[in-house]
Amino acid sequence: MNRKWLLRLGLTALALLVTTDRRRSQPIRPQPPEPPRPDDANEAKEKGPLTS
């Protein structure tokens, strides 16, 4: 095989690897919310309920 066909074969293999990557097919799961830190909970009690 000459260099042109080797390059074409290599690029085709790379394109197939990129398009069939199984890790990207899974949806990204949102991170669960972190529990409030003790400092934040104390500040929220002092300020009272938030009004918007």
PDB file of N, CA and C in Angstrom:
ATOM      1  N   MET A   1       0.846  -1.192   0.000  1.00  0.00           N
ATOM      2  CA  MET A   1       0.000   0.000   0.000  1.00  0.00           C
ATOM      3  C   MET A   1       0.888   1.251   0.000  1.00  0.00           C
ATOM      4  N   ASN A   2       0.431   2.237  -0.695  1.00  0.00           N
ATOM      5  CA  ASN A   2       1.221   3.464  -0.680  1.00  0.00           C
ATOM      6  C   ASN A   2       0.760   4.387   0.439  1.00  0.00           C
ATOM      7  N   ARG A   3       1.455   5.495   0.597  1.00  0.00           N
ATOM      8  CA  ARG A   3       1.203   6.383   1.735  1.00  0.00           C
ATOM      9  C   ARG A   3      -0.192   6.992   1.691  1.00  0.00           C
ATOM     10  N   LYS A   4      -0.697   7.258   0.495  1.00  0.00           N
ATOM     11  CA  LYS A   4      -2.026   7.868   0.402  1.00  0.00           C
ATOM     12  C   LYS A   4      -3.091   6.948   0.992  1.00  0.00           C
ATOM     13  N   TRP A   5      -3.020   5.676   0.667  1.00  0.00           N
ATOM     14  CA  TRP A   5      -4.020   4.744   1.175  1.00  0.00           C
ATOM     15  C   TRP A   5      -3.846   4.492   2.667  1.00  0.00           C
ATOM     16  N   LEU A   6      -2.600   4.470   3.134  1.00  0.00           N
ATOM     17  CA  LEU A   6      -2.386   4.312   4.573  1.00  0.00           C
ATOM     18  C   LEU A   6      -2.940   5.508   5.344  1.00  0.00           C
ATOM     19  N   LEU A   7      -2.735   6.704   4.810  1.00  0.00           N
ATOM     20  CA  LEU A   7      -3.265   7.899   5.458  1.00  0.00           C
ATOM     21  C   LEU A   7      -4.788   7.874   5.458  1.00  0.00           C
ATOM     22  N   ARG A   8      -5.379   7.499   4.333  1.00  0.00           N
ATOM     23  CA  ARG A   8      -6.839   7.446   4.242  1.00  0.00           C
ATOM     24  C   ARG A   8      -7.402   6.405   5.210  1.00  0.00           C
ATOM     25  N   LEU A   9      -6.751   5.255   5.291  1.00  0.00           N
ATOM     26  CA  LEU A   9      -7.204   4.209   6.199  1.00  0.00           C
ATOM     27  C   LEU A   9      -7.084   4.662   7.654  1.00  0.00           C
ATOM     28  N   GLY A  10      -5.980   5.330   7.973  1.00  0.00           N
ATOM     29  CA  GLY A  10      -5.787   5.819   9.336  1.00  0.00           C
ATOM     30  C   GLY A  10      -6.824   6.865   9.715  1.00  0.00           C
ATOM     31  N   LEU A  11      -7.114   7.781   8.803  1.00  0.00           N
ATOM     32  CA  LEU A  11      -8.108   8.813   9.087  1.00  0.00           C
ATOM     33  C   LEU A  11      -9.507   8.219   9.215  1.00  0.00           C
ATOM     34  N   THR A  12      -9.805   7.211   8.405  1.00  0.00           N
ATOM     35  CA  THR A  12     -11.107   6.551   8.505  1.00  0.00           C
ATOM     36  C   THR A  12     -11.250   5.852   9.857  1.00  0.00           C
ATOM     37  N   ALA A  13     -10.193   5.164  10.283  1.00  0.00           N
ATOM     38  CA  ALA A  13     -10.237   4.483  11.576  1.00  0.00           C
ATOM     39  C   ALA A  13     -10.400   5.488  12.715  1.00  0.00           C
ATOM     40  N   LEU A  14      -9.710   6.616  12.622  1.00  0.00           N
ATOM     41  CA  LEU A  14      -9.828   7.639  13.656  1.00  0.00           C
ATOM     42  C   LEU A  14     -11.237   8.224  13.694  1.00  0.00           C
ATOM     43  N   ALA A  15     -11.813   8.465  12.524  1.00  0.00           N
ATOM     44  CA  ALA A  15     -13.173   9.009  12.470  1.00  0.00           C
ATOM     45  C   ALA A  15     -14.171   8.018  13.069  1.00  0.00           C
ATOM     46  N   LEU A  16     -13.986   6.740  12.806  1.00  0.00           N
ATOM     47  CA  LEU A  16     -14.884   5.739  13.381  1.00  0.00           C
ATOM     48  C   LEU A  16     -14.742   5.675  14.902  1.00  0.00           C
ATOM     49  N   LEU A  17     -13.522   5.803  15.394  1.00  0.00           N
ATOM     50  CA  LEU A  17     -13.324   5.786  16.840  1.00  0.00           C
ATOM     51  C   LEU A  17     -14.009   6.977  17.500  1.00  0.00           C
ATOM     52  N   VAL A  18     -13.917   8.132  16.886  1.00  0.00           N
ATOM     53  CA  VAL A  18     -14.503   9.334  17.472  1.00  0.00           C
ATOM     54  C   VAL A  18     -16.022   9.264  17.441  1.00  0.00           C
ATOM     55  N   THR A  19     -16.585   8.802  16.332  1.00  0.00           N
ATOM     56  CA  THR A  19     -18.043   8.817  16.197  1.00  0.00           C
ATOM     57  C   THR A  19     -18.716   7.679  16.950  1.00  0.00           C
ATOM     58  N   THR A  20     -17.985   6.632  17.312  1.00  0.00           N
ATOM     59  CA  THR A  20     -18.606   5.509  18.020  1.00  0.00           C
ATOM     60  C   THR A  20     -18.117   5.427  19.459  1.00  0.00           C
ATOM     61  N   ASP A  21     -17.706   6.556  20.033  1.00  0.00           N
ATOM     62  CA  ASP A  21     -17.224   6.575  21.409  1.00  0.00           C
ATOM     63  C   ASP A  21     -18.408   6.350  22.345  1.00  0.00           C
ATOM     64  N   ARG A  22     -18.406   5.257  23.074  1.00  0.00           N
ATOM     65  CA  ARG A  22     -19.534   4.892  23.934  1.00  0.00           C
ATOM     66  C   ARG A  22     -19.619   5.780  25.168  1.00  0.00           C
ATOM     67  N   ARG A  23     -18.501   6.351  25.613  1.00  0.00           N
ATOM     68  CA  ARG A  23     -18.536   7.158  26.832  1.00  0.00           C
ATOM     69  C   ARG A  23     -19.358   8.419  26.641  1.00  0.00           C
ATOM     70  N   ARG A  24     -19.439   8.935  25.428  1.00  0.00           N
ATOM     71  CA  ARG A  24     -20.164  10.175  25.191  1.00  0.00           C
ATOM     72  C   ARG A  24     -21.662   9.933  25.010  1.00  0.00           C
ATOM     73  N   SER A  25     -22.085   8.681  24.816  1.00  0.00           N
ATOM     74  CA  SER A  25     -23.495   8.419  24.543  1.00  0.00           C
ATOM     75  C   SER A  25     -24.338   8.487  25.815  1.00  0.00           C
ATOM     76  N   GLN A  26     -23.709   8.377  26.989  1.00  0.00           N
ATOM     77  CA  GLN A  26     -24.471   8.418  28.231  1.00  0.00           C
ATOM     78  C   GLN A  26     -24.775   9.867  28.590  1.00  0.00           C
ATOM     79  N   PRO A  27     -26.011  10.166  28.998  1.00  0.00           N
ATOM     80  CA  PRO A  27     -26.321  11.547  29.392  1.00  0.00           C
ATOM     81  C   PRO A  27     -25.564  11.929  30.656  1.00  0.00           C
ATOM     82  N   ILE A  28     -25.220  13.176  30.742  1.00  0.00           N
ATOM     83  CA  ILE A  28     -24.510  13.671  31.914  1.00  0.00           C
ATOM     84  C   ILE A  28     -25.518  13.834  33.048  1.00  0.00           C
ATOM     85  N   ARG A  29     -25.247  13.164  34.156  1.00  0.00           N
ATOM     86  CA  ARG A  29     -26.158  13.236  35.296  1.00  0.00           C
ATOM     87  C   ARG A  29     -25.820  14.468  36.131  1.00  0.00           C
ATOM     88  N   PRO A  30     -26.831  15.253  36.507  1.00  0.00           N
ATOM     89  CA  PRO A  30     -26.530  16.412  37.360  1.00  0.00           C
ATOM     90  C   PRO A  30     -26.070  15.961  38.737  1.00  0.00           C
ATOM     91  N   GLN A  31     -25.167  16.727  39.320  1.00  0.00           N
ATOM     92  CA  GLN A  31     -24.663  16.395  40.646  1.00  0.00           C
ATOM     93  C   GLN A  31     -25.751  16.656  41.685  1.00  0.00           C
ATOM     94  N   PRO A  32     -25.880  15.799  42.680  1.00  0.00           N
ATOM     95  CA  PRO A  32     -26.873  16.065  43.730  1.00  0.00           C
ATOM     96  C   PRO A  32     -26.472  17.312  44.510  1.00  0.00           C
ATOM     97  N   PRO A  33     -27.444  18.081  44.990  1.00  0.00           N
ATOM     98  CA  PRO A  33     -27.092  19.293  45.739  1.00  0.00           C
ATOM     99  C   PRO A  33     -26.364  18.942  47.030  1.00  0.00           C
ATOM    100  N   GLU A  34     -25.370  19.753  47.349  1.00  0.00           N
ATOM    101  CA  GLU A  34     -24.598  19.498  48.561  1.00  0.00           C
ATOM    102  C   GLU A  34     -25.410  19.924  49.781  1.00  0.00           C
ATOM    103  N   PRO A  35     -25.275  19.215  50.886  1.00  0.00           N
ATOM    104  CA  PRO A  35     -25.981  19.647  52.103  1.00  0.00           C
ATOM    105  C   PRO A  35     -25.413  20.990  52.560  1.00  0.00           C
ATOM    106  N   PRO A  36     -26.251  21.843  53.150  1.00  0.00           N
ATOM    107  CA  PRO A  36     -25.749  23.163  53.574  1.00  0.00           C
ATOM    108  C   PRO A  36     -24.705  23.021  54.668  1.00  0.00           C
ATOM    109  N   ARG A  37     -23.711  23.871  54.593  1.00  0.00           N
ATOM    110  CA  ARG A  37     -22.678  23.871  55.630  1.00  0.00           C
ATOM    111  C   ARG A  37     -23.252  24.496  56.899  1.00  0.00           C
ATOM    112  N   PRO A  38     -22.725  24.152  58.051  1.00  0.00           N
ATOM    113  CA  PRO A  38     -23.265  24.711  59.310  1.00  0.00           C
ATOM    114  C   PRO A  38     -23.230  26.239  59.328  1.00  0.00           C
ATOM    115  N   ASP A  39     -22.199  26.862  58.760  1.00  0.00           N
ATOM    116  CA  ASP A  39     -22.121  28.325  58.742  1.00  0.00           C
ATOM    117  C   ASP A  39     -23.281  28.915  57.952  1.00  0.00           C
ATOM    118  N   ASP A  40     -23.578  28.329  56.793  1.00  0.00           N
ATOM    119  CA  ASP A  40     -24.665  28.840  55.962  1.00  0.00           C
ATOM    120  C   ASP A  40     -26.015  28.674  56.663  1.00  0.00           C
ATOM    121  N   ALA A  41     -26.209  27.568  57.357  1.00  0.00           N
ATOM    122  CA  ALA A  41     -27.484  27.332  58.040  1.00  0.00           C
ATOM    123  C   ALA A  41     -27.683  28.360  59.150  1.00  0.00           C
ATOM    124  N   ASN A  42     -26.625  28.692  59.873  1.00  0.00           N
ATOM    125  CA  ASN A  42     -26.746  29.685  60.947  1.00  0.00           C
ATOM    126  C   ASN A  42     -27.059  31.062  60.383  1.00  0.00           C
ATOM    127  N   GLU A  43     -26.429  31.422  59.271  1.00  0.00           N
ATOM    128  CA  GLU A  43     -26.691  32.726  58.662  1.00  0.00           C
ATOM    129  C   GLU A  43     -28.134  32.807  58.170  1.00  0.00           C
ATOM    130  N   ALA A  44     -28.642  31.716  57.619  1.00  0.00           N
ATOM    131  CA  ALA A  44     -30.010  31.722  57.103  1.00  0.00           C
ATOM    132  C   ALA A  44     -31.009  31.907  58.248  1.00  0.00           C
ATOM    133  N   LYS A  45     -30.739  31.324  59.401  1.00  0.00           N
ATOM    134  CA  LYS A  45     -31.641  31.480  60.547  1.00  0.00           C
ATOM    135  C   LYS A  45     -31.653  32.926  61.042  1.00  0.00           C
ATOM    136  N   GLU A  46     -30.475  33.569  61.025  1.00  0.00           N
ATOM    137  CA  GLU A  46     -30.393  34.947  61.516  1.00  0.00           C
ATOM    138  C   GLU A  46     -31.114  35.913  60.581  1.00  0.00           C
ATOM    139  N   LYS A  47     -31.005  35.684  59.275  1.00  0.00           N
ATOM    140  CA  LYS A  47     -31.597  36.603  58.301  1.00  0.00           C
ATOM    141  C   LYS A  47     -33.097  36.397  58.164  1.00  0.00           C
ATOM    142  N   GLY A  48     -33.577  35.224  58.455  1.00  0.00           N
ATOM    143  CA  GLY A  48     -34.992  34.941  58.296  1.00  0.00           C
ATOM    144  C   GLY A  48     -35.271  34.410  56.900  1.00  0.00           C
ATOM    145  N   PRO A  49     -36.538  34.188  56.566  1.00  0.00           N
ATOM    146  CA  PRO A  49     -36.874  33.637  55.240  1.00  0.00           C
ATOM    147  C   PRO A  49     -36.556  34.643  54.141  1.00  0.00           C
ATOM    148  N   LEU A  50     -36.168  34.103  53.006  1.00  0.00           N
ATOM    149  CA  LEU A  50     -35.852  34.959  51.865  1.00  0.00           C
ATOM    150  C   LEU A  50     -37.141  35.407  51.193  1.00  0.00           C
ATOM    151  N   THR A  51     -37.221  36.675  50.869  1.00  0.00           N
ATOM    152  CA  THR A  51     -38.387  37.192  50.146  1.00  0.00           C
ATOM    153  C   THR A  51     -37.910  37.780  48.841  1.00  0.00           C
ATOM    154  N   SER A  52     -38.614  37.423  47.760  1.00  0.00           N
ATOM    155  CA  SER A  52     -38.185  37.954  46.463  1.00  0.00           C
ATOM    156  C   SER A  52     -39.333  38.594  45.725  1.00  0.00           C
TER     157      SER A  52
END
